[in-house]
């Protein structure tokens, strides 16, 4: 029973971690840069940590993509991997934009 629950929890963690990571990065970075626009280095480090979290979500889902079981849905695992890639790309673009455009302009 606990093994099946663990598989289900891992699948949902892998599915929900990337969008929550991206949302936290976007909203937190906005609040940080509005309060202190000279803290761009913190934002870049935060972006790298967010990318690592998206990679972790893909790593969690990767073994389940071909696992056929009652509670392990390969379709859900593949969706989690795709979402991790999409949200990692969004975080990467936001981090890249932070390095190109100075936040204190204007």
C-alpha atoms as a PDB file:
ATOM      1  CA  UNK A   1       0.000   0.000   0.000  1.00  0.00           C
ATOM      2  CA  UNK A   2       2.714   2.479   0.909  1.00  0.00           C
ATOM      3  CA  UNK A   3       4.648   1.674  -2.281  1.00  0.00           C
ATOM      4  CA  UNK A   4       1.618   2.504  -4.417  1.00  0.00           C
ATOM      5  CA  UNK A   5       0.965   5.696  -2.500  1.00  0.00           C
ATOM      6  CA  UNK A   6       4.606   6.610  -2.931  1.00  0.00           C
ATOM      7  CA  UNK A   7       4.344   6.201  -6.703  1.00  0.00           C
ATOM      8  CA  UNK A   8       1.220   8.371  -6.818  1.00  0.00           C
ATOM      9  CA  UNK A   9       2.806  11.036  -4.609  1.00  0.00           C
ATOM     10  CA  UNK A  10       5.942  11.052  -6.756  1.00  0.00           C
ATOM     11  CA  UNK A  11       3.898  11.471  -9.944  1.00  0.00           C
ATOM     12  CA  UNK A  12       1.915  14.399  -8.572  1.00  0.00           C
ATOM     13  CA  UNK A  13       5.028  15.983  -7.080  1.00  0.00           C
ATOM     14  CA  UNK A  14       6.741  15.793 -10.465  1.00  0.00           C
ATOM     15  CA  UNK A  15       3.668  17.285 -12.118  1.00  0.00           C
ATOM     16  CA  UNK A  16       3.102  20.167  -9.694  1.00  0.00           C
ATOM     17  CA  UNK A  17       6.682  21.151  -8.830  1.00  0.00           C
ATOM     18  CA  UNK A  18       7.585  22.956 -12.106  1.00  0.00           C
ATOM     19  CA  UNK A  19       4.601  25.337 -12.287  1.00  0.00           C
ATOM     20  CA  UNK A  20       4.866  26.138  -8.579  1.00  0.00           C
ATOM     21  CA  UNK A  21       8.601  26.736  -8.959  1.00  0.00           C
ATOM     22  CA  UNK A  22       8.061  29.040 -11.931  1.00  0.00           C
ATOM     23  CA  UNK A  23       5.282  30.953 -10.186  1.00  0.00           C
ATOM     24  CA  UNK A  24       7.375  31.405  -7.052  1.00  0.00           C
ATOM     25  CA  UNK A  25      10.336  32.545  -9.143  1.00  0.00           C
ATOM     26  CA  UNK A  26       8.302  35.021 -11.174  1.00  0.00           C
ATOM     27  CA  UNK A  27       6.373  36.558  -8.293  1.00  0.00           C
ATOM     28  CA  UNK A  28       9.278  36.514  -5.858  1.00  0.00           C
ATOM     29  CA  UNK A  29      11.664  38.028  -8.377  1.00  0.00           C
ATOM     30  CA  UNK A  30       9.174  40.775  -9.131  1.00  0.00           C
ATOM     31  CA  UNK A  31       8.779  41.602  -5.444  1.00  0.00           C
ATOM     32  CA  UNK A  32      12.545  41.469  -4.896  1.00  0.00           C
ATOM     33  CA  UNK A  33      13.387  43.755  -7.799  1.00  0.00           C
ATOM     34  CA  UNK A  34      10.651  46.239  -6.897  1.00  0.00           C
ATOM     35  CA  UNK A  35      12.077  46.478  -3.380  1.00  0.00           C
ATOM     36  CA  UNK A  36      15.769  46.457  -4.331  1.00  0.00           C
ATOM     37  CA  UNK A  37      16.557  46.775  -8.003  1.00  0.00           C
ATOM     38  CA  UNK A  38      20.276  46.284  -7.356  1.00  0.00           C
ATOM     39  CA  UNK A  39      19.710  42.690  -6.173  1.00  0.00           C
ATOM     40  CA  UNK A  40      19.916  41.148  -9.645  1.00  0.00           C
ATOM     41  CA  UNK A  41      22.608  38.685  -8.500  1.00  0.00           C
ATOM     42  CA  UNK A  42      20.117  37.169  -6.064  1.00  0.00           C
ATOM     43  CA  UNK A  43      17.634  36.830  -8.924  1.00  0.00           C
ATOM     44  CA  UNK A  44      20.174  35.037 -11.098  1.00  0.00           C
ATOM     45  CA  UNK A  45      20.993  32.611  -8.284  1.00  0.00           C
ATOM     46  CA  UNK A  46      17.272  32.132  -7.689  1.00  0.00           C
ATOM     47  CA  UNK A  47      16.821  31.349 -11.383  1.00  0.00           C
ATOM     48  CA  UNK A  48      19.530  28.697 -11.244  1.00  0.00           C
ATOM     49  CA  UNK A  49      17.909  27.107  -8.188  1.00  0.00           C
ATOM     50  CA  UNK A  50      14.541  27.159  -9.993  1.00  0.00           C
ATOM     51  CA  UNK A  51      16.105  25.428 -12.997  1.00  0.00           C
ATOM     52  CA  UNK A  52      17.508  22.757 -10.698  1.00  0.00           C
ATOM     53  CA  UNK A  53      14.041  22.222  -9.184  1.00  0.00           C
ATOM     54  CA  UNK A  54      12.553  21.777 -12.658  1.00  0.00           C
ATOM     55  CA  UNK A  55      15.286  19.267 -13.479  1.00  0.00           C
ATOM     56  CA  UNK A  56      14.528  17.466 -10.218  1.00  0.00           C
ATOM     57  CA  UNK A  57      10.865  17.192 -11.185  1.00  0.00           C
ATOM     58  CA  UNK A  58      11.841  15.669 -14.533  1.00  0.00           C
ATOM     59  CA  UNK A  59      14.182  13.271 -12.733  1.00  0.00           C
ATOM     60  CA  UNK A  60      11.390  12.185 -10.391  1.00  0.00           C
ATOM     61  CA  UNK A  61       9.057  11.470 -13.316  1.00  0.00           C
ATOM     62  CA  UNK A  62      11.619   9.852 -15.629  1.00  0.00           C
ATOM     63  CA  UNK A  63      11.517   6.270 -14.204  1.00  0.00           C
ATOM     64  CA  UNK A  64       7.701   6.256 -14.240  1.00  0.00           C
ATOM     65  CA  UNK A  65       7.320   7.048 -17.952  1.00  0.00           C
ATOM     66  CA  UNK A  66       7.298   3.351 -18.892  1.00  0.00           C
ATOM     67  CA  UNK A  67       6.084   1.854 -15.618  1.00  0.00           C
ATOM     68  CA  UNK A  68       2.745   0.121 -16.054  1.00  0.00           C
ATOM     69  CA  UNK A  69       0.974  -0.086 -12.729  1.00  0.00           C
ATOM     70  CA  UNK A  70      -2.375   0.606 -11.167  1.00  0.00           C
ATOM     71  CA  UNK A  71      -1.297   3.935  -9.727  1.00  0.00           C
ATOM     72  CA  UNK A  72       1.688   4.815 -11.939  1.00  0.00           C
ATOM     73  CA  UNK A  73       0.334   6.430 -15.055  1.00  0.00           C
ATOM     74  CA  UNK A  74       2.974   6.658 -17.817  1.00  0.00           C
ATOM     75  CA  UNK A  75       0.948   9.406 -19.492  1.00  0.00           C
ATOM     76  CA  UNK A  76       1.085  11.478 -16.308  1.00  0.00           C
ATOM     77  CA  UNK A  77       4.838  10.940 -16.047  1.00  0.00           C
ATOM     78  CA  UNK A  78       5.365  12.034 -19.654  1.00  0.00           C
ATOM     79  CA  UNK A  79       3.205  15.095 -19.050  1.00  0.00           C
ATOM     80  CA  UNK A  80       5.280  15.933 -15.954  1.00  0.00           C
ATOM     81  CA  UNK A  81       8.493  15.693 -17.985  1.00  0.00           C
ATOM     82  CA  UNK A  82       7.064  17.957 -20.688  1.00  0.00           C
ATOM     83  CA  UNK A  83       5.859  20.481 -18.120  1.00  0.00           C
ATOM     84  CA  UNK A  84       9.261  20.460 -16.419  1.00  0.00           C
ATOM     85  CA  UNK A  85      10.883  21.283 -19.764  1.00  0.00           C
ATOM     86  CA  UNK A  86       8.402  24.059 -20.583  1.00  0.00           C
ATOM     87  CA  UNK A  87       8.660  25.751 -17.190  1.00  0.00           C
ATOM     88  CA  UNK A  88      12.454  25.354 -17.149  1.00  0.00           C
ATOM     89  CA  UNK A  89      12.522  27.157 -20.485  1.00  0.00           C
ATOM     90  CA  UNK A  90      10.376  29.960 -19.045  1.00  0.00           C
ATOM     91  CA  UNK A  91      12.685  30.293 -16.023  1.00  0.00           C
ATOM     92  CA  UNK A  92      15.751  30.234 -18.274  1.00  0.00           C
ATOM     93  CA  UNK A  93      14.361  33.047 -20.449  1.00  0.00           C
ATOM     94  CA  UNK A  94      13.477  35.144 -17.398  1.00  0.00           C
ATOM     95  CA  UNK A  95      16.940  34.596 -15.920  1.00  0.00           C
ATOM     96  CA  UNK A  96      18.568  35.444 -19.252  1.00  0.00           C
ATOM     97  CA  UNK A  97      16.476  38.610 -19.489  1.00  0.00           C
ATOM     98  CA  UNK A  98      17.626  39.555 -16.006  1.00  0.00           C
ATOM     99  CA  UNK A  99      21.249  39.259 -17.085  1.00  0.00           C
ATOM    100  CA  UNK A 100      20.729  41.290 -20.303  1.00  0.00           C
ATOM    101  CA  UNK A 101      18.417  44.111 -19.189  1.00  0.00           C
ATOM    102  CA  UNK A 102      19.489  45.940 -16.037  1.00  0.00           C
ATOM    103  CA  UNK A 103      16.562  46.066 -13.583  1.00  0.00           C
ATOM    104  CA  UNK A 104      17.409  49.582 -12.325  1.00  0.00           C
ATOM    105  CA  UNK A 105      16.881  51.278 -15.704  1.00  0.00           C
ATOM    106  CA  UNK A 106      14.075  53.785 -15.764  1.00  0.00           C
END
